[in-house]
Amino acid sequence: MAFLGLAAGGSLPILGIWFLAAGIGIACVETAQHAVVATRAPAVVRGSAFGLLAGIQSLGNFIASALAGLIWTVISAEAAFIYAAACMLAALLVYLRPDQPPPKRPDDA
């Protein structure tokens, strides 16, 4: 919703509210991603799992920023925010899919 609000434009205070909402949403998602790694990765590889998550996030951020910048330049700023909203919706659909229970693992205390 926040990215669609940014695409719609408006006054500076309204854009500030949408920007704040987008930041809160991203903070929640990134916290959830770290919680999944912390709870599902075995202790012996947990550090590597966090490193892999950081690498994937960095690559995704680079690709998404490059595509959004290209869309912004070639089409419009509104189209770039609509692209971002569509990506967020796709991610939400992936997160909402029925999940498999975490695999059984030996005590990793």
C-alpha atoms as a PDB file:
ATOM      1  CA  MET A   1       0.000   0.000   0.000  1.00  0.00           C
ATOM      2  CA  ALA A   2       2.773   2.432   0.869  1.00  0.00           C
ATOM      3  CA  PHE A   3       4.395   2.159  -2.551  1.00  0.00           C
ATOM      4  CA  LEU A   4       1.048   2.709  -4.266  1.00  0.00           C
ATOM      5  CA  GLY A   5       0.604   5.780  -2.044  1.00  0.00           C
ATOM      6  CA  LEU A   6       4.002   7.027  -3.156  1.00  0.00           C
ATOM      7  CA  ALA A   7       3.039   6.378  -6.784  1.00  0.00           C
ATOM      8  CA  ALA A   8      -0.145   8.421  -6.314  1.00  0.00           C
ATOM      9  CA  GLY A   9       1.891  11.397  -5.126  1.00  0.00           C
ATOM     10  CA  GLY A  10       0.424  14.214  -3.098  1.00  0.00           C
ATOM     11  CA  SER A  11       1.650  16.884  -0.748  1.00  0.00           C
ATOM     12  CA  LEU A  12       4.931  16.587   1.100  1.00  0.00           C
ATOM     13  CA  PRO A  13       3.300  15.587   4.431  1.00  0.00           C
ATOM     14  CA  ILE A  14       1.262  12.855   2.692  1.00  0.00           C
ATOM     15  CA  LEU A  15       4.370  11.546   0.919  1.00  0.00           C
ATOM     16  CA  GLY A  16       6.158  11.593   4.278  1.00  0.00           C
ATOM     17  CA  ILE A  17       3.457   9.401   5.796  1.00  0.00           C
ATOM     18  CA  TRP A  18       3.686   6.923   2.907  1.00  0.00           C
ATOM     19  CA  PHE A  19       7.486   6.924   3.190  1.00  0.00           C
ATOM     20  CA  LEU A  20       7.228   6.209   6.920  1.00  0.00           C
ATOM     21  CA  ALA A  21       4.746   3.376   6.257  1.00  0.00           C
ATOM     22  CA  ALA A  22       7.096   1.854   3.665  1.00  0.00           C
ATOM     23  CA  GLY A  23       9.993   2.001   6.117  1.00  0.00           C
ATOM     24  CA  ILE A  24       7.974   0.328   8.868  1.00  0.00           C
ATOM     25  CA  GLY A  25       6.872  -2.395   6.463  1.00  0.00           C
ATOM     26  CA  ILE A  26      10.421  -3.089   5.303  1.00  0.00           C
ATOM     27  CA  ALA A  27      11.628  -3.158   8.922  1.00  0.00           C
ATOM     28  CA  CYS A  28       8.973  -5.738   9.803  1.00  0.00           C
ATOM     29  CA  VAL A  29       9.829  -7.950   6.831  1.00  0.00           C
ATOM     30  CA  GLU A  30      13.567  -7.862   7.480  1.00  0.00           C
ATOM     31  CA  THR A  31      13.008  -8.663  11.159  1.00  0.00           C
ATOM     32  CA  ALA A  32      10.822 -11.619  10.183  1.00  0.00           C
ATOM     33  CA  GLN A  33      13.480 -12.875   7.747  1.00  0.00           C
ATOM     34  CA  HIS A  34      16.115 -12.826  10.483  1.00  0.00           C
ATOM     35  CA  ALA A  35      13.745 -14.579  12.891  1.00  0.00           C
ATOM     36  CA  VAL A  36      13.215 -17.384  10.360  1.00  0.00           C
ATOM     37  CA  VAL A  37      16.962 -17.866   9.960  1.00  0.00           C
ATOM     38  CA  ALA A  38      17.476 -17.811  13.725  1.00  0.00           C
ATOM     39  CA  THR A  39      14.796 -20.433  14.350  1.00  0.00           C
ATOM     40  CA  ARG A  40      15.301 -22.741  11.374  1.00  0.00           C
ATOM     41  CA  ALA A  41      19.052 -22.840  10.794  1.00  0.00           C
ATOM     42  CA  PRO A  42      20.940 -25.423  12.855  1.00  0.00           C
ATOM     43  CA  ALA A  43      23.327 -23.847  15.359  1.00  0.00           C
ATOM     44  CA  VAL A  44      26.431 -25.149  13.592  1.00  0.00           C
ATOM     45  CA  VAL A  45      25.610 -23.240  10.394  1.00  0.00           C
ATOM     46  CA  ARG A  46      23.553 -20.361  11.786  1.00  0.00           C
ATOM     47  CA  GLY A  47      26.310 -17.801  11.202  1.00  0.00           C
ATOM     48  CA  SER A  48      26.688 -18.928   7.599  1.00  0.00           C
ATOM     49  CA  ALA A  49      22.908 -18.826   7.172  1.00  0.00           C
ATOM     50  CA  PHE A  50      22.849 -15.198   8.311  1.00  0.00           C
ATOM     51  CA  GLY A  51      25.710 -14.455   5.905  1.00  0.00           C
ATOM     52  CA  LEU A  52      23.804 -16.099   3.053  1.00  0.00           C
ATOM     53  CA  LEU A  53      20.688 -14.090   3.944  1.00  0.00           C
ATOM     54  CA  ALA A  54      22.718 -10.863   3.894  1.00  0.00           C
ATOM     55  CA  GLY A  55      24.232 -11.763   0.532  1.00  0.00           C
ATOM     56  CA  ILE A  56      20.854 -12.585  -1.005  1.00  0.00           C
ATOM     57  CA  GLN A  57      19.343  -9.377   0.398  1.00  0.00           C
ATOM     58  CA  SER A  58      22.241  -7.328  -0.994  1.00  0.00           C
ATOM     59  CA  LEU A  59      21.951  -8.858  -4.451  1.00  0.00           C
ATOM     60  CA  GLY A  60      18.169  -8.422  -4.406  1.00  0.00           C
ATOM     61  CA  ASN A  61      18.495  -4.792  -3.305  1.00  0.00           C
ATOM     62  CA  PHE A  62      20.968  -4.099  -6.117  1.00  0.00           C
ATOM     63  CA  ILE A  63      18.810  -5.719  -8.815  1.00  0.00           C
ATOM     64  CA  ALA A  64      15.593  -4.127  -7.534  1.00  0.00           C
ATOM     65  CA  SER A  65      17.201  -0.677  -7.343  1.00  0.00           C
ATOM     66  CA  ALA A  66      18.652  -0.999 -10.839  1.00  0.00           C
ATOM     67  CA  LEU A  67      15.298  -2.066 -12.287  1.00  0.00           C
ATOM     68  CA  ALA A  68      13.397   0.636 -10.415  1.00  0.00           C
ATOM     69  CA  GLY A  69      15.896   3.248 -11.580  1.00  0.00           C
ATOM     70  CA  LEU A  70      15.575   2.056 -15.159  1.00  0.00           C
ATOM     71  CA  ILE A  71      11.768   2.132 -14.969  1.00  0.00           C
ATOM     72  CA  TRP A  72      11.906   5.591 -13.348  1.00  0.00           C
ATOM     73  CA  THR A  73      14.166   6.887 -16.136  1.00  0.00           C
ATOM     74  CA  VAL A  74      12.488   5.232 -19.105  1.00  0.00           C
ATOM     75  CA  ILE A  75       8.828   5.351 -18.040  1.00  0.00           C
ATOM     76  CA  SER A  76       8.058   7.430 -14.919  1.00  0.00           C
ATOM     77  CA  ALA A  77       8.463   7.674 -11.164  1.00  0.00           C
ATOM     78  CA  GLU A  78       4.893   6.436 -10.729  1.00  0.00           C
ATOM     79  CA  ALA A  79       5.656   3.310 -12.773  1.00  0.00           C
ATOM     80  CA  ALA A  80       8.709   2.624 -10.587  1.00  0.00           C
ATOM     81  CA  PHE A  81       6.600   2.752  -7.413  1.00  0.00           C
ATOM     82  CA  ILE A  82       3.922   0.553  -9.014  1.00  0.00           C
ATOM     83  CA  TYR A  83       6.688  -1.940  -9.894  1.00  0.00           C
ATOM     84  CA  ALA A  84       7.835  -1.870  -6.247  1.00  0.00           C
ATOM     85  CA  ALA A  85       4.265  -2.429  -5.041  1.00  0.00           C
ATOM     86  CA  ALA A  86       3.855  -5.377  -7.433  1.00  0.00           C
ATOM     87  CA  CYS A  87       7.086  -6.918  -6.108  1.00  0.00           C
ATOM     88  CA  MET A  88       5.869  -6.489  -2.532  1.00  0.00           C
ATOM     89  CA  LEU A  89       2.536  -8.137  -3.428  1.00  0.00           C
ATOM     90  CA  ALA A  90       4.368 -11.066  -5.034  1.00  0.00           C
ATOM     91  CA  ALA A  91       6.507 -11.449  -1.911  1.00  0.00           C
ATOM     92  CA  LEU A  92       3.401 -11.346   0.289  1.00  0.00           C
ATOM     93  CA  LEU A  93       1.813 -14.136  -1.752  1.00  0.00           C
ATOM     94  CA  VAL A  94       4.941 -16.251  -1.300  1.00  0.00           C
ATOM     95  CA  TYR A  95       4.906 -15.639   2.459  1.00  0.00           C
ATOM     96  CA  LEU A  96       1.214 -16.526   2.704  1.00  0.00           C
ATOM     97  CA  ARG A  97       1.541 -19.895   0.974  1.00  0.00           C
ATOM     98  CA  PRO A  98       0.959 -22.946   3.143  1.00  0.00           C
ATOM     99  CA  ASP A  99       4.183 -23.659   4.971  1.00  0.00           C
ATOM    100  CA  GLN A 100       5.833 -26.944   5.713  1.00  0.00           C
ATOM    101  CA  PRO A 101       6.697 -27.577   9.362  1.00  0.00           C
ATOM    102  CA  PRO A 102      10.382 -27.039  10.123  1.00  0.00           C
ATOM    103  CA  PRO A 103      12.430 -30.218   9.817  1.00  0.00           C
ATOM    104  CA  LYS A 104      13.194 -32.155  12.970  1.00  0.00           C
ATOM    105  CA  ARG A 105      16.761 -31.589  14.099  1.00  0.00           C
ATOM    106  CA  PRO A 106      18.858 -32.738  17.014  1.00  0.00           C
ATOM    107  CA  ASP A 107      19.139 -30.459  19.993  1.00  0.00           C
ATOM    108  CA  ASP A 108      21.476 -27.620  18.960  1.00  0.00           C
ATOM    109  CA  ALA A 109      21.851 -26.031  22.374  1.00  0.00           C
END
